[in-house]
Amino acid sequence: MKFEQSFSQQQKQTQKLAMTQQLQQSIQILQFNTEELAEFVESKSLENPLIDFVEPNYKTDYSSSSTSQRYDNDEKLNYLNQIPDTHMSLFEYLLEQVHLNYRETYLRTLVLYLIEFIDLNGFLTISLEDAALQTGATDIQMLDALTLIQQLDPAGVGARNLQECLMLQTERDDFAPALAYIVLEEKFDALAQRKWEVIAKQFDITLQEVQKIFDYIQTLTPTPGAIFGNTSELYVIPDVKVQIVDNQILVTSNKKGQPEIHFQQNYFDRMKQENDKEVNTYLKEKQQEFEWLQKTLLQRGDTILNVAKAIIERQQEFFFDTTRPINALTLKEISEAIGVHESTVSRSVNGKYLETSFGIFELKKFFTNKLGTNQSVDGEELSADSVKRRIQTLVEEENKAKPLSDQKLVDLLKEESIDISRRTVAKYRDQLGIASSSKRKRYDQ
């Protein structure tokens, strides 16, 4: 058996996309949100003397929440400076109260020591026994120091656990139900586990009165110090504006959200007169960089606008129906509609927002998976969002004395031709923040 091996040369032509640095930056620019884009363009202007960077100014500032905000202030604001004032920290606030209210004594020294062990939520993180060992104070002295802390604002500060935190707030509230404090003290676990018959029997009260106590406790805060947390954040600046005019949807780019650049022509002409080869090469590179950046910024704006238009075209009900329904929609559908890759659509919607008269919404909010291959109502495919909204409506309309179980929700949905499992209902209910039926039951209906 002969074995022969032959060699030959062949020429083959293939196309490959070379990931140049400029291409990588173009992709990155599309992914940037408005604040990141401004920072990037500003950094480029610092590196390139031919780029004149103009920071956007605003007559309207935008909230970071998705609810509509209106402002009467016509003052032009630099969006990079739209950061809330820095608030006093919880530690500073407590120290200020101690120095104002308590005279300089050994007990105040212990108070100041304990304050160092209060976390951002307002809870004491060291036991009084350990504190006594470390300071040389007696247990009674440490307890007295803690008592002084617990008399400070906010109510509930200095608590060692959730139960004590709620008790401290109740004790200082003149409008608390009469038995709220004693129920928290003696039957906290039973109240949390909704063993209300046990509470009603022990204190000789009705289930309606226990319900009233529970409702009151729900109004208290489990983290009294959290209001002093760091709330500084940049405001959301919409990339797209949506207006309803004569029952038609108009979609436009928010030019105010785009950083503006100009070519430093005077500087370029002056340097060009030097007739220096190296200078001319440098100027040419920087001019090309300006042209590339200008073109990329325009492409970014056009891409986001085209993606937004395609989304809005398929989600028109959201803008006309006050219940704000969202139809099933995928990245693939939008990519096919405008002729770009799915990854381009993904970059175009993450961190990008649209402004309407009723709120500001992230573009990726409008994407939701189809419920199933055969799930439809009146010929329209169901989305997970539409099913969630239906579950929420059913729960809102239920008899609170006999709340709907997950299985009952399954049955009611099936009557509406929505066939999903009990496990799926439970998952959607949890995502909506709706408690189980046993925890939704009320005794005052």
Protein backbone atom coordinates (compact mmCIF):
# COMPACT_ATOMS: atom_id res chain seq x y z
CA MET A 1 0.00 0.00 0.00
CA LYS A 2 1.55 3.24 -1.12
CA PHE A 3 1.17 6.43 0.83
CA GLU A 4 1.51 9.61 -1.15
CA GLN A 5 1.43 13.13 0.17
CA SER A 6 1.27 16.10 -2.11
CA PHE A 7 1.62 19.79 -1.41
CA SER A 8 0.10 22.66 -3.32
CA GLN A 9 -0.18 26.38 -2.94
CA GLN A 10 -3.59 28.08 -2.99
CA GLN A 11 -4.54 31.70 -2.70
CA LYS A 12 -7.64 32.39 -0.61
CA GLN A 13 -9.28 35.74 -0.01
CA THR A 14 -11.31 36.30 3.16
CA GLN A 15 -12.83 39.33 4.82
CA LYS A 16 -12.03 40.07 8.45
CA LEU A 17 -12.98 43.00 10.60
CA ALA A 18 -9.84 44.49 12.11
CA MET A 19 -10.53 45.90 15.56
CA THR A 20 -8.54 49.08 15.26
CA GLN A 21 -8.26 51.43 18.21
CA GLN A 22 -10.66 53.89 16.60
CA LEU A 23 -13.22 51.14 15.93
CA GLN A 24 -12.98 50.02 19.55
CA GLN A 25 -13.49 53.59 20.68
CA SER A 26 -16.49 54.00 18.35
CA ILE A 27 -18.10 50.95 19.94
CA GLN A 28 -17.26 52.29 23.38
CA ILE A 29 -18.75 55.70 22.56
CA LEU A 30 -22.06 54.08 21.60
CA GLN A 31 -22.11 52.26 24.91
CA PHE A 32 -21.40 55.41 26.97
CA ASN A 33 -24.26 57.11 28.77
CA THR A 34 -24.50 60.89 28.53
CA GLU A 35 -22.22 61.62 31.48
CA GLU A 36 -19.57 59.12 30.39
CA LEU A 37 -19.68 60.49 26.84
CA ALA A 38 -19.08 64.05 28.06
CA GLU A 39 -16.14 62.91 30.17
CA PHE A 40 -14.64 61.04 27.20
CA VAL A 41 -15.02 63.98 24.79
CA GLU A 42 -13.57 66.36 27.36
CA SER A 43 -10.54 64.09 27.82
CA LYS A 44 -10.06 64.05 24.04
CA SER A 45 -10.17 67.85 23.94
CA LEU A 46 -7.44 67.98 26.58
CA GLU A 47 -5.25 65.74 24.42
CA ASN A 48 -6.06 67.47 21.14
CA PRO A 49 -5.56 71.28 20.92
CA LEU A 50 -7.73 71.41 17.77
CA ILE A 51 -10.84 70.22 19.63
CA ASP A 52 -12.90 72.88 21.39
CA PHE A 53 -15.22 71.11 23.84
CA VAL A 54 -18.46 72.91 24.76
CA GLU A 55 -20.24 71.54 27.83
CA PRO A 56 -24.02 71.24 27.38
CA ASN A 57 -26.17 73.70 29.34
CA TYR A 58 -29.69 72.96 30.52
CA LYS A 59 -32.74 75.01 31.26
CA THR A 60 -34.38 71.89 32.61
CA ASP A 61 -32.74 69.44 34.97
CA TYR A 62 -33.71 65.82 35.03
CA SER A 63 -34.41 63.51 37.91
CA SER A 64 -32.80 60.10 38.19
CA SER A 65 -36.20 58.53 38.88
CA SER A 66 -38.59 57.36 36.18
CA THR A 67 -41.37 59.72 37.23
CA SER A 68 -42.13 62.95 35.43
CA GLN A 69 -40.49 66.02 36.90
CA ARG A 70 -41.33 69.64 36.16
CA TYR A 71 -39.27 72.65 37.12
CA ASP A 72 -39.95 76.38 37.12
CA ASN A 73 -36.33 77.44 37.38
CA ASP A 74 -35.11 78.85 34.06
CA GLU A 75 -31.51 79.09 35.22
CA LYS A 76 -29.02 77.42 32.89
CA LEU A 77 -27.43 74.48 34.66
CA ASN A 78 -24.29 72.56 33.88
CA TYR A 79 -25.47 68.95 34.02
CA LEU A 80 -22.16 67.77 35.45
CA ASN A 81 -22.82 70.04 38.42
CA GLN A 82 -26.37 68.81 38.99
CA ILE A 83 -25.35 66.89 42.09
CA PRO A 84 -27.25 67.30 45.38
CA ASP A 85 -25.50 69.12 48.19
CA THR A 86 -23.58 66.82 50.50
CA HIS A 87 -25.70 66.13 53.57
CA MET A 88 -24.44 65.84 57.11
CA SER A 89 -23.61 62.24 57.97
CA LEU A 90 -25.40 60.37 60.75
CA PHE A 91 -22.20 60.36 62.83
CA GLU A 92 -21.81 64.15 62.49
CA TYR A 93 -25.49 64.70 63.28
CA LEU A 94 -25.29 62.64 66.46
CA LEU A 95 -22.09 64.37 67.58
CA GLU A 96 -23.70 67.76 67.07
CA GLN A 97 -26.68 66.78 69.24
CA VAL A 98 -24.43 65.38 71.98
CA HIS A 99 -22.36 68.57 72.19
CA LEU A 100 -25.48 70.74 72.21
CA ASN A 101 -27.52 68.76 74.73
CA TYR A 102 -25.15 67.00 77.13
CA ARG A 103 -22.63 68.73 79.36
CA GLU A 104 -19.05 67.50 79.55
CA THR A 105 -19.05 64.56 81.95
CA TYR A 106 -17.67 61.03 82.06
CA LEU A 107 -21.08 59.79 80.89
CA ARG A 108 -20.83 62.00 77.80
CA THR A 109 -17.41 60.47 77.10
CA LEU A 110 -19.07 57.04 77.08
CA VAL A 111 -21.81 58.35 74.80
CA LEU A 112 -19.20 59.60 72.32
CA TYR A 113 -17.44 56.24 72.52
CA LEU A 114 -20.62 54.29 71.68
CA ILE A 115 -21.50 56.61 68.79
CA GLU A 116 -18.38 55.39 67.00
CA PHE A 117 -19.99 51.93 66.89
CA ILE A 118 -23.27 53.04 65.31
CA ASP A 119 -23.55 51.87 61.70
CA LEU A 120 -25.03 53.75 58.75
CA ASN A 121 -28.49 52.31 59.47
CA GLY A 122 -28.42 53.63 63.03
CA PHE A 123 -27.80 50.35 64.88
CA LEU A 124 -25.28 49.81 67.68
CA THR A 125 -22.73 47.23 66.56
CA ILE A 126 -20.93 46.60 69.85
CA SER A 127 -22.38 44.86 72.90
CA LEU A 128 -22.55 46.85 76.14
CA GLU A 129 -20.49 44.13 77.83
CA ASP A 130 -17.63 44.54 75.31
CA ALA A 131 -17.89 48.32 75.53
CA ALA A 132 -17.64 48.15 79.34
CA LEU A 133 -14.56 45.95 79.13
CA GLN A 134 -12.85 48.28 76.67
CA THR A 135 -13.64 51.49 78.55
CA GLY A 136 -13.43 50.25 82.13
CA ALA A 137 -16.97 51.51 82.79
CA THR A 138 -19.63 49.54 84.62
CA ASP A 139 -22.53 47.86 82.85
CA ILE A 140 -24.94 50.38 84.39
CA GLN A 141 -22.87 53.31 83.11
CA MET A 142 -22.82 51.86 79.58
CA LEU A 143 -26.58 51.32 79.71
CA ASP A 144 -27.08 54.94 80.84
CA ALA A 145 -24.90 56.13 77.96
CA LEU A 146 -26.90 54.08 75.46
CA THR A 147 -30.14 55.46 76.90
CA LEU A 148 -28.91 58.99 76.20
CA ILE A 149 -28.09 58.04 72.61
CA GLN A 150 -31.53 56.51 72.14
CA GLN A 151 -33.09 59.84 73.11
CA LEU A 152 -31.42 61.55 70.14
CA ASP A 153 -32.79 61.98 66.66
CA PRO A 154 -33.66 60.18 64.48
CA ALA A 155 -36.01 58.08 66.59
CA GLY A 156 -34.78 54.50 66.78
CA VAL A 157 -31.07 55.34 66.60
CA GLY A 158 -28.84 53.31 68.93
CA ALA A 159 -31.07 50.24 68.79
CA ARG A 160 -29.39 46.86 69.09
CA ASN A 161 -31.91 44.99 66.95
CA LEU A 162 -35.01 45.58 64.85
CA GLN A 163 -37.41 44.95 67.73
CA GLU A 164 -35.77 47.59 69.91
CA CYS A 165 -35.62 49.99 66.96
CA LEU A 166 -39.38 49.77 66.42
CA MET A 167 -40.06 50.04 70.15
CA LEU A 168 -37.99 53.23 70.41
CA GLN A 169 -39.93 54.83 67.58
CA THR A 170 -43.28 53.76 69.03
CA GLU A 171 -42.35 55.05 72.50
CA ARG A 172 -41.76 58.55 71.12
CA ASP A 173 -44.90 58.68 69.00
CA ASP A 174 -47.91 60.18 70.77
CA PHE A 175 -50.21 58.86 68.04
CA ALA A 176 -49.15 55.21 68.26
CA PRO A 177 -51.93 52.68 69.06
CA ALA A 178 -52.24 52.14 72.80
CA LEU A 179 -50.93 48.57 72.86
CA ALA A 180 -48.36 48.87 70.05
CA TYR A 181 -45.35 49.17 72.37
CA ILE A 182 -46.30 46.28 74.67
CA VAL A 183 -47.13 44.02 71.69
CA LEU A 184 -43.72 44.76 70.17
CA GLU A 185 -42.05 44.06 73.49
CA GLU A 186 -43.82 40.83 74.38
CA LYS A 187 -45.13 39.36 71.12
CA PHE A 188 -42.78 40.63 68.41
CA ASP A 189 -42.19 37.19 66.86
CA ALA A 190 -45.89 36.33 66.90
CA LEU A 191 -46.69 39.64 65.20
CA ALA A 192 -44.04 39.09 62.53
CA GLN A 193 -45.30 35.55 61.92
CA ARG A 194 -48.89 36.83 61.77
CA LYS A 195 -50.02 34.67 64.66
CA TRP A 196 -52.57 37.29 65.47
CA GLU A 197 -55.05 35.03 67.24
CA VAL A 198 -52.41 34.45 69.94
CA ILE A 199 -51.91 38.20 70.36
CA ALA A 200 -55.65 38.94 70.40
CA LYS A 201 -56.22 36.29 73.07
CA GLN A 202 -53.35 37.39 75.33
CA PHE A 203 -54.28 41.09 75.30
CA ASP A 204 -58.04 40.53 75.05
CA ILE A 205 -58.41 42.57 71.87
CA THR A 206 -60.00 41.93 68.49
CA LEU A 207 -58.20 40.85 65.33
CA GLN A 208 -59.16 44.23 63.88
CA GLU A 209 -57.19 45.95 66.65
CA VAL A 210 -54.18 43.70 66.00
CA GLN A 211 -54.50 44.63 62.32
CA LYS A 212 -54.42 48.31 63.29
CA ILE A 213 -51.24 47.79 65.34
CA PHE A 214 -49.61 45.91 62.48
CA ASP A 215 -50.54 48.63 59.98
CA TYR A 216 -49.02 51.25 62.28
CA ILE A 217 -45.76 49.32 62.64
CA GLN A 218 -45.57 49.12 58.86
CA THR A 219 -45.23 52.92 58.84
CA LEU A 220 -42.08 52.83 61.01
CA THR A 221 -38.61 52.66 59.52
CA PRO A 222 -36.39 49.62 60.11
CA THR A 223 -33.28 51.69 59.27
CA PRO A 224 -33.55 55.14 60.92
CA GLY A 225 -30.01 56.14 59.95
CA ALA A 226 -30.42 55.37 56.27
CA ILE A 227 -31.79 58.86 55.53
CA PHE A 228 -28.27 60.17 56.14
CA GLY A 229 -26.77 57.88 53.52
CA ASN A 230 -24.94 59.22 50.51
CA THR A 231 -27.66 60.26 48.05
CA SER A 232 -25.37 62.08 45.64
CA GLU A 233 -25.85 60.89 42.09
CA LEU A 234 -25.83 62.35 38.63
CA TYR A 235 -29.16 63.22 37.15
CA VAL A 236 -30.55 61.26 34.23
CA ILE A 237 -30.35 63.18 30.97
CA PRO A 238 -32.63 61.78 28.25
CA ASP A 239 -31.12 61.00 24.86
CA VAL A 240 -34.50 61.06 23.11
CA LYS A 241 -37.66 63.14 23.51
CA VAL A 242 -41.11 61.76 22.74
CA GLN A 243 -44.08 64.07 22.16
CA ILE A 244 -47.69 63.37 21.25
CA VAL A 245 -48.93 65.94 18.72
CA ASP A 246 -52.36 65.55 17.08
CA ASN A 247 -52.44 61.91 18.14
CA GLN A 248 -49.11 61.31 16.43
CA ILE A 249 -45.85 60.31 18.15
CA LEU A 250 -42.90 62.59 17.39
CA VAL A 251 -39.44 61.28 18.29
CA THR A 252 -36.45 63.63 18.33
CA SER A 253 -32.89 63.58 19.66
CA ASN A 254 -32.26 65.58 22.79
CA LYS A 255 -29.49 67.80 21.44
CA LYS A 256 -28.98 69.29 24.88
CA GLY A 257 -27.69 65.94 26.03
CA GLN A 258 -24.96 65.79 23.40
CA PRO A 259 -21.52 67.30 23.98
CA GLU A 260 -20.62 69.80 21.30
CA ILE A 261 -17.20 70.13 19.66
CA HIS A 262 -15.74 72.78 17.36
CA PHE A 263 -12.59 72.85 15.27
CA GLN A 264 -9.96 75.34 16.44
CA GLN A 265 -9.42 76.81 12.99
CA ASN A 266 -7.45 79.87 14.15
CA TYR A 267 -4.98 77.75 16.10
CA PHE A 268 -4.65 75.37 13.13
CA ASP A 269 -3.90 78.23 10.70
CA ARG A 270 -1.31 79.79 13.00
CA MET A 271 0.54 76.51 13.50
CA LYS A 272 0.34 75.76 9.78
CA GLN A 273 2.36 78.89 9.07
CA GLU A 274 5.36 77.42 10.86
CA ASN A 275 6.15 75.29 7.78
CA ASP A 276 7.61 72.63 10.04
CA LYS A 277 7.29 69.05 8.78
CA GLU A 278 6.77 67.52 12.23
CA VAL A 279 4.26 70.21 13.17
CA ASN A 280 2.33 69.62 9.94
CA THR A 281 2.27 65.87 10.57
CA TYR A 282 1.02 66.49 14.10
CA LEU A 283 -1.68 68.89 12.86
CA LYS A 284 -2.83 66.40 10.26
CA GLU A 285 -3.18 63.62 12.85
CA LYS A 286 -5.11 65.87 15.23
CA GLN A 287 -7.37 67.14 12.45
CA GLN A 288 -8.18 63.56 11.47
CA GLU A 289 -8.90 62.76 15.10
CA PHE A 290 -11.33 65.70 15.28
CA GLU A 291 -13.10 64.60 12.09
CA TRP A 292 -13.34 61.03 13.38
CA LEU A 293 -14.75 62.16 16.73
CA GLN A 294 -17.27 64.50 15.10
CA LYS A 295 -18.43 61.74 12.73
CA THR A 296 -18.65 59.18 15.57
CA LEU A 297 -20.74 61.50 17.74
CA LEU A 298 -23.17 62.04 14.86
CA GLN A 299 -23.36 58.28 14.20
CA ARG A 300 -23.99 57.61 17.89
CA GLY A 301 -26.87 60.07 17.97
CA ASP A 302 -28.39 58.71 14.75
CA THR A 303 -28.09 55.09 15.92
CA ILE A 304 -29.78 55.77 19.27
CA LEU A 305 -32.53 57.75 17.53
CA ASN A 306 -33.16 54.98 14.96
CA VAL A 307 -33.28 52.33 17.69
CA ALA A 308 -35.66 54.48 19.75
CA LYS A 309 -37.96 55.04 16.76
CA ALA A 310 -38.09 51.31 16.06
CA ILE A 311 -38.89 50.57 19.70
CA ILE A 312 -41.61 53.23 19.89
CA GLU A 313 -43.14 52.01 16.64
CA ARG A 314 -43.69 48.62 18.30
CA GLN A 315 -44.69 49.97 21.72
CA GLN A 316 -47.21 52.65 20.72
CA GLU A 317 -49.76 51.44 23.29
CA PHE A 318 -47.37 52.45 26.06
CA PHE A 319 -47.61 56.10 24.99
CA PHE A 320 -51.39 56.23 24.42
CA ASP A 321 -52.76 53.84 27.06
CA THR A 322 -52.60 55.20 30.61
CA THR A 323 -51.94 51.69 31.97
CA ARG A 324 -48.61 51.77 30.05
CA PRO A 325 -48.69 48.22 28.61
CA ILE A 326 -45.46 46.83 27.15
CA ASN A 327 -45.67 44.32 24.32
CA ALA A 328 -43.29 41.42 23.84
CA LEU A 329 -40.16 42.72 22.12
CA THR A 330 -36.63 41.38 21.65
CA LEU A 331 -33.30 42.89 20.64
CA LYS A 332 -33.30 40.68 17.55
CA GLU A 333 -36.56 42.19 16.26
CA ILE A 334 -35.16 45.72 16.50
CA SER A 335 -31.80 44.72 14.99
CA GLU A 336 -33.55 43.16 11.99
CA ALA A 337 -35.84 46.17 11.62
CA ILE A 338 -33.02 48.72 11.34
CA GLY A 339 -30.34 46.46 9.87
CA VAL A 340 -27.75 46.42 12.65
CA HIS A 341 -26.30 43.75 14.92
CA GLU A 342 -28.04 42.82 18.17
CA SER A 343 -25.01 43.97 20.15
CA THR A 344 -25.40 47.44 18.60
CA VAL A 345 -29.00 47.57 19.78
CA SER A 346 -27.94 46.41 23.23
CA ARG A 347 -25.31 49.17 23.49
CA SER A 348 -27.84 51.71 22.22
CA VAL A 349 -30.41 51.01 24.94
CA ASN A 350 -28.30 50.41 28.05
CA GLY A 351 -28.06 53.61 30.06
CA LYS A 352 -30.01 55.57 27.42
CA TYR A 353 -33.29 57.27 28.32
CA LEU A 354 -36.30 58.79 26.65
CA GLU A 355 -38.33 61.67 28.01
CA THR A 356 -42.12 61.85 27.84
CA SER A 357 -44.70 64.15 29.39
CA PHE A 358 -45.40 61.45 32.00
CA GLY A 359 -41.88 60.40 32.95
CA ILE A 360 -38.38 59.40 31.95
CA PHE A 361 -37.74 55.76 31.02
CA GLU A 362 -34.70 53.69 30.12
CA LEU A 363 -34.89 52.31 26.59
CA LYS A 364 -34.17 48.76 27.72
CA LYS A 365 -37.39 48.88 29.76
CA PHE A 366 -39.31 48.33 26.52
CA PHE A 367 -37.81 44.89 25.92
CA THR A 368 -39.61 41.94 27.46
CA ASN A 369 -39.71 38.30 26.46
CA LYS A 370 -42.69 36.56 24.98
CA LEU A 371 -44.49 34.40 27.50
CA GLY A 372 -44.52 31.30 25.36
CA THR A 373 -44.70 30.04 21.82
CA ASN A 374 -48.48 29.59 21.82
CA GLN A 375 -49.54 32.20 24.36
CA SER A 376 -51.75 34.91 22.90
CA VAL A 377 -54.92 36.82 23.68
CA ASP A 378 -57.07 38.19 20.85
CA GLY A 379 -54.33 37.25 18.40
CA GLU A 380 -51.63 39.23 20.20
CA GLU A 381 -48.62 37.56 21.76
CA LEU A 382 -48.40 37.92 25.51
CA SER A 383 -45.36 39.39 27.22
CA ALA A 384 -44.21 38.67 30.74
CA ASP A 385 -44.88 42.33 31.54
CA SER A 386 -48.53 42.12 30.48
CA VAL A 387 -49.07 39.02 32.62
CA LYS A 388 -47.44 40.71 35.62
CA ARG A 389 -49.75 43.69 35.21
CA ARG A 390 -52.75 41.36 35.08
CA ILE A 391 -51.63 39.60 38.26
CA GLN A 392 -51.19 42.96 39.98
CA THR A 393 -54.69 44.03 38.92
CA LEU A 394 -56.23 40.80 40.21
CA VAL A 395 -54.49 41.22 43.57
CA GLU A 396 -55.57 44.86 43.84
CA GLU A 397 -59.19 43.89 43.19
CA GLU A 398 -59.25 40.84 45.48
CA ASN A 399 -61.24 40.54 48.68
CA LYS A 400 -58.58 41.33 51.29
CA ALA A 401 -60.38 39.20 53.85
CA LYS A 402 -59.98 36.24 51.46
CA PRO A 403 -56.93 36.99 49.31
CA LEU A 404 -56.25 35.00 46.16
CA SER A 405 -53.82 32.11 46.47
CA ASP A 406 -51.27 31.47 43.72
CA GLN A 407 -53.34 28.55 42.48
CA LYS A 408 -56.46 30.71 42.36
CA LEU A 409 -54.53 33.29 40.33
CA VAL A 410 -53.51 30.48 37.95
CA ASP A 411 -57.18 29.51 37.54
CA LEU A 412 -58.34 33.09 36.93
CA LEU A 413 -55.60 33.67 34.37
CA LYS A 414 -56.50 30.42 32.61
CA GLU A 415 -60.07 31.72 32.23
CA GLU A 416 -58.53 34.62 30.32
CA SER A 417 -56.58 32.19 28.06
CA ILE A 418 -53.32 32.84 29.93
CA ASP A 419 -51.91 29.42 30.73
CA ILE A 420 -48.98 29.62 33.14
CA SER A 421 -47.85 27.47 36.05
CA ARG A 422 -48.28 28.23 39.74
CA ARG A 423 -44.50 28.48 40.07
CA THR A 424 -44.44 31.20 37.40
CA VAL A 425 -47.22 33.10 39.16
CA ALA A 426 -45.26 32.93 42.41
CA LYS A 427 -42.12 34.19 40.64
CA TYR A 428 -43.96 37.12 39.03
CA ARG A 429 -45.67 37.93 42.33
CA ASP A 430 -42.30 38.08 44.10
CA GLN A 431 -40.89 40.31 41.34
CA LEU A 432 -43.85 42.66 41.82
CA GLY A 433 -43.20 42.79 45.56
CA ILE A 434 -46.57 41.21 46.36
CA ALA A 435 -46.69 39.13 49.53
CA SER A 436 -48.21 35.64 49.67
CA SER A 437 -51.95 35.31 50.25
CA SER A 438 -51.50 34.45 53.94
CA LYS A 439 -49.58 37.70 54.48
CA ARG A 440 -52.07 39.78 52.48
CA LYS A 441 -55.03 38.77 54.57
CA ARG A 442 -56.63 41.59 56.51
CA TYR A 443 -59.05 41.42 59.45
CA ASP A 444 -60.61 44.87 59.15
CA GLN A 445 -62.59 44.25 56.00
